Amino acid sequence: MKIKTTVLCLPVTDVQKALIFYREVFGFSDAKIEEGILTLEFPNLSLFIMEKNAYEAYAHKAKREAFFPGHSAPAIISCAVESKQDVDRALECAKENGGTAPAKPEVDPSFGGYIGYISDPEGHLWELVCPNP
């Protein structure tokens, strides 16, 4: 099998709040919502942030329900960034735009990278890594 593209879908209850968060934290200034779906293009990944009803239209085909993370972390979306300042800025910006930064960023002693965690307003967890701080 040869994969042509990869799409990750995340359910949200408020797609407008998600739009503001992802515009401000990740810099998607031209992002917009179409048919209840906010589409964000990351390197080698399309991320569909979907209103619960739109998400469940897909999930029901596989006999599943939408699952919202809350205090759990069913998945961690990890991405590398260019600088420690990018990590720090994202953590501050997340808190200002309805998300959280559950822990202080720090250098991982086993890896050496500078790592910070943020969650969007729905609780989807992101790991931001600067490999060479």
N, C-alpha and C. Protein backbone atom coordinates (compact mmCIF):
# COMPACT_ATOMS: atom_id res chain seq x y z
N MET A 1 0.85 -1.17 0.00
CA MET A 1 0.00 0.00 0.00
C MET A 1 0.89 1.24 0.00
N LYS A 2 0.52 2.21 -0.78
CA LYS A 2 1.23 3.47 -0.81
C LYS A 2 0.28 4.58 -0.36
N ILE A 3 0.61 5.22 0.75
CA ILE A 3 -0.22 6.29 1.29
C ILE A 3 -0.01 7.54 0.44
N LYS A 4 -1.09 8.17 0.03
CA LYS A 4 -0.99 9.39 -0.78
C LYS A 4 -1.10 10.65 0.06
N THR A 5 -1.93 10.60 1.07
CA THR A 5 -2.09 11.75 1.95
C THR A 5 -2.57 11.26 3.31
N THR A 6 -2.41 12.07 4.33
CA THR A 6 -2.84 11.71 5.67
C THR A 6 -3.72 12.83 6.22
N VAL A 7 -4.86 12.45 6.77
CA VAL A 7 -5.80 13.40 7.35
C VAL A 7 -6.10 12.95 8.77
N LEU A 8 -6.07 13.88 9.70
CA LEU A 8 -6.46 13.62 11.08
C LEU A 8 -7.69 14.47 11.35
N CYS A 9 -8.75 13.85 11.87
CA CYS A 9 -9.99 14.55 12.19
C CYS A 9 -10.14 14.63 13.70
N LEU A 10 -10.47 15.82 14.19
CA LEU A 10 -10.71 16.01 15.61
C LEU A 10 -12.09 16.63 15.81
N PRO A 11 -12.89 16.10 16.74
CA PRO A 11 -14.20 16.69 17.00
C PRO A 11 -14.09 17.88 17.95
N VAL A 12 -14.96 18.85 17.74
CA VAL A 12 -15.06 20.00 18.65
C VAL A 12 -16.54 20.36 18.82
N THR A 13 -16.85 21.01 19.92
CA THR A 13 -18.21 21.48 20.13
C THR A 13 -18.38 22.90 19.61
N ASP A 14 -17.28 23.64 19.49
CA ASP A 14 -17.35 25.03 19.04
C ASP A 14 -16.25 25.27 18.00
N VAL A 15 -16.58 25.09 16.73
CA VAL A 15 -15.59 25.22 15.66
C VAL A 15 -15.10 26.66 15.51
N GLN A 16 -15.94 27.64 15.87
CA GLN A 16 -15.53 29.05 15.79
C GLN A 16 -14.43 29.33 16.82
N LYS A 17 -14.57 28.79 18.01
CA LYS A 17 -13.55 28.94 19.05
C LYS A 17 -12.25 28.26 18.60
N ALA A 18 -12.38 27.10 17.96
CA ALA A 18 -11.20 26.40 17.44
C ALA A 18 -10.52 27.22 16.37
N LEU A 19 -11.29 27.86 15.50
CA LEU A 19 -10.72 28.72 14.45
C LEU A 19 -9.86 29.82 15.06
N ILE A 20 -10.37 30.48 16.06
CA ILE A 20 -9.62 31.56 16.72
C ILE A 20 -8.35 31.00 17.34
N PHE A 21 -8.46 29.88 18.05
CA PHE A 21 -7.30 29.27 18.70
C PHE A 21 -6.22 28.94 17.68
N TYR A 22 -6.57 28.22 16.62
CA TYR A 22 -5.56 27.78 15.65
C TYR A 22 -5.01 28.93 14.81
N ARG A 23 -5.80 29.95 14.59
CA ARG A 23 -5.28 31.15 13.92
C ARG A 23 -4.22 31.82 14.79
N GLU A 24 -4.54 32.00 16.05
CA GLU A 24 -3.65 32.74 16.95
C GLU A 24 -2.43 31.94 17.38
N VAL A 25 -2.60 30.68 17.72
CA VAL A 25 -1.50 29.88 18.27
C VAL A 25 -0.58 29.36 17.17
N PHE A 26 -1.16 28.87 16.09
CA PHE A 26 -0.36 28.26 15.03
C PHE A 26 -0.17 29.16 13.81
N GLY A 27 -0.80 30.32 13.80
CA GLY A 27 -0.59 31.28 12.73
C GLY A 27 -1.33 30.99 11.43
N PHE A 28 -2.44 30.28 11.49
CA PHE A 28 -3.23 30.02 10.29
C PHE A 28 -4.14 31.21 10.00
N SER A 29 -3.56 32.31 9.57
CA SER A 29 -4.30 33.55 9.39
C SER A 29 -5.38 33.47 8.31
N ASP A 30 -5.20 32.59 7.33
CA ASP A 30 -6.19 32.48 6.25
C ASP A 30 -7.16 31.32 6.44
N ALA A 31 -7.14 30.68 7.60
CA ALA A 31 -8.02 29.54 7.86
C ALA A 31 -9.47 29.99 7.89
N LYS A 32 -10.36 29.11 7.40
CA LYS A 32 -11.78 29.41 7.43
C LYS A 32 -12.55 28.11 7.62
N ILE A 33 -13.80 28.27 8.01
CA ILE A 33 -14.68 27.13 8.25
C ILE A 33 -15.57 26.95 7.02
N GLU A 34 -15.62 25.71 6.53
CA GLU A 34 -16.51 25.39 5.42
C GLU A 34 -17.28 24.12 5.77
N GLU A 35 -18.59 24.21 5.73
CA GLU A 35 -19.48 23.08 6.03
C GLU A 35 -19.18 22.45 7.38
N GLY A 36 -18.91 23.29 8.38
CA GLY A 36 -18.66 22.79 9.72
C GLY A 36 -17.28 22.22 9.95
N ILE A 37 -16.39 22.39 8.95
CA ILE A 37 -15.04 21.82 9.06
C ILE A 37 -14.00 22.92 8.88
N LEU A 38 -13.08 23.00 9.82
CA LEU A 38 -11.92 23.87 9.74
C LEU A 38 -10.77 23.00 9.25
N THR A 39 -10.24 23.31 8.07
CA THR A 39 -9.16 22.52 7.48
C THR A 39 -7.85 23.28 7.65
N LEU A 40 -6.86 22.61 8.24
CA LEU A 40 -5.54 23.20 8.45
C LEU A 40 -4.50 22.31 7.79
N GLU A 41 -3.64 22.90 7.00
CA GLU A 41 -2.60 22.14 6.30
C GLU A 41 -1.26 22.29 7.00
N PHE A 42 -0.83 21.21 7.65
CA PHE A 42 0.48 21.13 8.27
C PHE A 42 1.40 20.39 7.29
N PRO A 43 2.71 20.43 7.47
CA PRO A 43 3.58 19.64 6.60
C PRO A 43 3.20 18.16 6.68
N ASN A 44 2.86 17.59 5.55
CA ASN A 44 2.52 16.16 5.43
C ASN A 44 1.29 15.73 6.22
N LEU A 45 0.43 16.66 6.60
CA LEU A 45 -0.77 16.31 7.35
C LEU A 45 -1.86 17.35 7.11
N SER A 46 -3.05 16.88 6.80
CA SER A 46 -4.23 17.75 6.78
C SER A 46 -5.00 17.48 8.08
N LEU A 47 -5.30 18.55 8.80
CA LEU A 47 -6.04 18.43 10.05
C LEU A 47 -7.43 18.99 9.84
N PHE A 48 -8.45 18.16 10.06
CA PHE A 48 -9.84 18.58 9.96
C PHE A 48 -10.38 18.73 11.37
N ILE A 49 -10.66 19.95 11.76
CA ILE A 49 -11.31 20.24 13.03
C ILE A 49 -12.80 20.32 12.70
N MET A 50 -13.57 19.40 13.26
CA MET A 50 -14.95 19.23 12.81
C MET A 50 -15.96 19.42 13.94
N GLU A 51 -17.05 20.12 13.63
CA GLU A 51 -18.15 20.19 14.58
C GLU A 51 -18.59 18.76 14.90
N LYS A 52 -19.06 18.56 16.11
CA LYS A 52 -19.43 17.22 16.58
C LYS A 52 -20.33 16.49 15.58
N ASN A 53 -21.34 17.14 15.04
CA ASN A 53 -22.26 16.48 14.11
C ASN A 53 -21.55 16.05 12.83
N ALA A 54 -20.69 16.91 12.30
CA ALA A 54 -19.94 16.56 11.09
C ALA A 54 -18.99 15.39 11.37
N TYR A 55 -18.33 15.44 12.52
CA TYR A 55 -17.42 14.37 12.91
C TYR A 55 -18.16 13.04 13.05
N GLU A 56 -19.30 13.09 13.72
CA GLU A 56 -20.05 11.86 13.95
C GLU A 56 -20.61 11.27 12.66
N ALA A 57 -20.83 12.11 11.64
CA ALA A 57 -21.27 11.57 10.34
C ALA A 57 -20.22 10.60 9.80
N TYR A 58 -18.94 10.90 10.03
CA TYR A 58 -17.86 10.00 9.64
C TYR A 58 -17.75 8.82 10.62
N ALA A 59 -17.74 9.12 11.90
CA ALA A 59 -17.52 8.10 12.92
C ALA A 59 -18.63 7.04 12.92
N HIS A 60 -19.85 7.44 12.66
CA HIS A 60 -20.96 6.48 12.67
C HIS A 60 -20.81 5.43 11.58
N LYS A 61 -20.12 5.76 10.49
CA LYS A 61 -19.88 4.77 9.43
C LYS A 61 -19.07 3.59 9.97
N ALA A 62 -18.24 3.87 10.97
CA ALA A 62 -17.41 2.83 11.60
C ALA A 62 -18.02 2.39 12.94
N LYS A 63 -19.28 2.78 13.16
CA LYS A 63 -20.01 2.42 14.39
C LYS A 63 -19.32 2.95 15.64
N ARG A 64 -18.85 4.21 15.54
CA ARG A 64 -18.18 4.87 16.67
C ARG A 64 -18.87 6.20 16.99
N GLU A 65 -18.59 6.72 18.16
CA GLU A 65 -19.08 8.02 18.61
C GLU A 65 -17.92 9.00 18.68
N ALA A 66 -18.22 10.27 18.73
CA ALA A 66 -17.18 11.27 18.94
C ALA A 66 -16.66 11.13 20.37
N PHE A 67 -15.37 11.30 20.55
CA PHE A 67 -14.75 11.21 21.86
C PHE A 67 -13.99 12.51 22.10
N PHE A 68 -14.28 13.15 23.21
CA PHE A 68 -13.61 14.39 23.56
C PHE A 68 -12.64 14.12 24.69
N PRO A 69 -11.42 14.65 24.62
CA PRO A 69 -10.39 14.27 25.57
C PRO A 69 -10.65 14.66 27.01
N GLY A 70 -11.20 15.84 27.28
CA GLY A 70 -11.38 16.25 28.67
C GLY A 70 -10.06 16.22 29.42
N HIS A 71 -9.98 15.43 30.49
CA HIS A 71 -8.76 15.36 31.28
C HIS A 71 -7.86 14.20 30.86
N SER A 72 -8.31 13.41 29.91
CA SER A 72 -7.48 12.31 29.41
C SER A 72 -6.74 12.77 28.15
N ALA A 73 -5.85 11.94 27.67
CA ALA A 73 -5.09 12.26 26.46
C ALA A 73 -5.13 11.04 25.54
N PRO A 74 -6.23 10.86 24.80
CA PRO A 74 -6.31 9.71 23.92
C PRO A 74 -5.29 9.76 22.78
N ALA A 75 -4.79 10.95 22.51
CA ALA A 75 -3.76 11.12 21.48
C ALA A 75 -2.94 12.36 21.80
N ILE A 76 -1.69 12.35 21.38
CA ILE A 76 -0.83 13.52 21.49
C ILE A 76 -0.35 13.84 20.08
N ILE A 77 -0.61 15.05 19.65
CA ILE A 77 -0.15 15.50 18.34
C ILE A 77 1.17 16.22 18.57
N SER A 78 2.23 15.69 18.01
CA SER A 78 3.56 16.22 18.27
C SER A 78 4.11 16.87 17.00
N CYS A 79 4.71 18.04 17.17
CA CYS A 79 5.33 18.68 16.01
C CYS A 79 6.60 19.40 16.45
N ALA A 80 7.56 19.44 15.54
CA ALA A 80 8.82 20.14 15.77
C ALA A 80 8.66 21.59 15.35
N VAL A 81 9.24 22.48 16.12
CA VAL A 81 9.26 23.91 15.79
C VAL A 81 10.71 24.38 15.74
N GLU A 82 10.91 25.59 15.27
CA GLU A 82 12.28 26.06 15.02
C GLU A 82 13.02 26.55 16.25
N SER A 83 12.31 27.09 17.26
CA SER A 83 13.03 27.70 18.37
C SER A 83 12.30 27.53 19.70
N LYS A 84 13.06 27.73 20.79
CA LYS A 84 12.47 27.74 22.12
C LYS A 84 11.43 28.84 22.22
N GLN A 85 11.70 29.96 21.56
CA GLN A 85 10.77 31.09 21.59
C GLN A 85 9.43 30.71 20.96
N ASP A 86 9.47 29.86 19.91
CA ASP A 86 8.22 29.39 19.30
C ASP A 86 7.41 28.60 20.32
N VAL A 87 8.07 27.74 21.08
CA VAL A 87 7.38 26.95 22.10
C VAL A 87 6.80 27.87 23.16
N ASP A 88 7.62 28.76 23.69
CA ASP A 88 7.17 29.68 24.75
C ASP A 88 6.02 30.56 24.29
N ARG A 89 6.12 31.08 23.06
CA ARG A 89 5.07 31.95 22.53
C ARG A 89 3.77 31.17 22.37
N ALA A 90 3.85 29.93 21.89
CA ALA A 90 2.64 29.11 21.71
C ALA A 90 1.97 28.83 23.05
N LEU A 91 2.75 28.58 24.09
CA LEU A 91 2.17 28.32 25.41
C LEU A 91 1.43 29.54 25.93
N GLU A 92 2.02 30.70 25.79
CA GLU A 92 1.36 31.93 26.24
C GLU A 92 0.12 32.21 25.41
N CYS A 93 0.26 32.06 24.12
CA CYS A 93 -0.84 32.33 23.19
C CYS A 93 -2.00 31.36 23.41
N ALA A 94 -1.68 30.11 23.71
CA ALA A 94 -2.72 29.12 23.96
C ALA A 94 -3.58 29.55 25.15
N LYS A 95 -2.93 29.97 26.22
CA LYS A 95 -3.66 30.39 27.42
C LYS A 95 -4.52 31.61 27.14
N GLU A 96 -4.07 32.50 26.27
CA GLU A 96 -4.81 33.72 25.94
C GLU A 96 -5.99 33.45 25.01
N ASN A 97 -6.04 32.26 24.39
CA ASN A 97 -7.06 31.97 23.39
C ASN A 97 -7.89 30.74 23.70
N GLY A 98 -8.13 30.49 24.98
CA GLY A 98 -9.05 29.43 25.39
C GLY A 98 -8.44 28.06 25.60
N GLY A 99 -7.15 27.92 25.35
CA GLY A 99 -6.48 26.64 25.57
C GLY A 99 -5.78 26.63 26.91
N THR A 100 -4.97 25.62 27.13
CA THR A 100 -4.20 25.52 28.36
C THR A 100 -2.76 25.13 28.05
N ALA A 101 -1.91 25.38 29.00
CA ALA A 101 -0.53 24.91 28.98
C ALA A 101 -0.36 24.14 30.29
N PRO A 102 -0.58 22.82 30.28
CA PRO A 102 -0.65 22.06 31.52
C PRO A 102 0.65 21.92 32.30
N ALA A 103 1.79 22.22 31.69
CA ALA A 103 3.07 22.11 32.39
C ALA A 103 4.05 23.12 31.80
N LYS A 104 5.04 23.49 32.59
CA LYS A 104 6.07 24.39 32.09
C LYS A 104 6.92 23.66 31.05
N PRO A 105 7.34 24.38 30.01
CA PRO A 105 8.23 23.75 29.04
C PRO A 105 9.59 23.50 29.69
N GLU A 106 10.27 22.45 29.22
CA GLU A 106 11.59 22.15 29.77
C GLU A 106 12.39 21.32 28.78
N VAL A 107 13.69 21.25 29.03
CA VAL A 107 14.56 20.40 28.22
C VAL A 107 14.38 18.97 28.71
N ASP A 108 14.08 18.07 27.79
CA ASP A 108 13.91 16.66 28.13
C ASP A 108 15.29 16.05 28.35
N PRO A 109 15.58 15.54 29.55
CA PRO A 109 16.92 15.03 29.85
C PRO A 109 17.34 13.84 28.98
N SER A 110 16.39 13.04 28.52
CA SER A 110 16.75 11.88 27.71
C SER A 110 16.91 12.23 26.23
N PHE A 111 16.21 13.23 25.78
CA PHE A 111 16.21 13.60 24.36
C PHE A 111 17.04 14.85 24.10
N GLY A 112 17.00 15.78 25.04
CA GLY A 112 17.73 17.03 24.88
C GLY A 112 16.93 18.14 24.25
N GLY A 113 15.78 17.83 23.69
CA GLY A 113 14.93 18.85 23.07
C GLY A 113 14.16 19.64 24.10
N TYR A 114 13.78 20.84 23.73
CA TYR A 114 12.96 21.71 24.58
C TYR A 114 11.51 21.42 24.23
N ILE A 115 10.72 21.01 25.22
CA ILE A 115 9.38 20.50 24.96
C ILE A 115 8.36 21.24 25.82
N GLY A 116 7.26 21.61 25.18
CA GLY A 116 6.13 22.21 25.88
C GLY A 116 4.84 21.57 25.40
N TYR A 117 3.83 21.60 26.25
CA TYR A 117 2.54 21.00 25.92
C TYR A 117 1.45 22.06 26.00
N ILE A 118 0.55 22.02 25.02
CA ILE A 118 -0.63 22.87 25.06
C ILE A 118 -1.84 22.01 24.69
N SER A 119 -2.99 22.46 25.11
CA SER A 119 -4.22 21.84 24.63
C SER A 119 -5.12 22.92 24.08
N ASP A 120 -5.88 22.55 23.06
CA ASP A 120 -6.82 23.50 22.47
C ASP A 120 -8.04 23.61 23.38
N PRO A 121 -9.01 24.46 23.05
CA PRO A 121 -10.16 24.64 23.94
C PRO A 121 -10.95 23.36 24.23
N GLU A 122 -10.86 22.36 23.36
CA GLU A 122 -11.56 21.09 23.58
C GLU A 122 -10.72 20.08 24.36
N GLY A 123 -9.43 20.37 24.56
CA GLY A 123 -8.56 19.48 25.31
C GLY A 123 -7.65 18.61 24.45
N HIS A 124 -7.66 18.79 23.12
CA HIS A 124 -6.75 18.03 22.26
C HIS A 124 -5.32 18.47 22.57
N LEU A 125 -4.47 17.51 22.89
CA LEU A 125 -3.13 17.78 23.40
C LEU A 125 -2.09 17.84 22.30
N TRP A 126 -1.29 18.89 22.34
CA TRP A 126 -0.19 19.11 21.40
C TRP A 126 1.13 19.12 22.17
N GLU A 127 2.13 18.46 21.59
CA GLU A 127 3.50 18.50 22.12
C GLU A 127 4.30 19.31 21.11
N LEU A 128 4.91 20.39 21.58
CA LEU A 128 5.73 21.24 20.73
C LEU A 128 7.18 21.03 21.11
N VAL A 129 7.99 20.66 20.13
CA VAL A 129 9.37 20.27 20.39
C VAL A 129 10.32 21.14 19.59
N CYS A 130 11.28 21.73 20.27
CA CYS A 130 12.42 22.39 19.61
C CYS A 130 13.60 21.43 19.78
N PRO A 131 13.99 20.72 18.71
CA PRO A 131 15.03 19.68 18.84
C PRO A 131 16.38 20.20 19.32
N ASN A 132 16.75 21.40 18.94
CA ASN A 132 18.07 21.94 19.30
C ASN A 132 17.92 23.29 19.99
N PRO A 133 17.60 23.26 21.28
CA PRO A 133 17.33 24.54 21.99
C PRO A 133 18.56 25.41 22.13
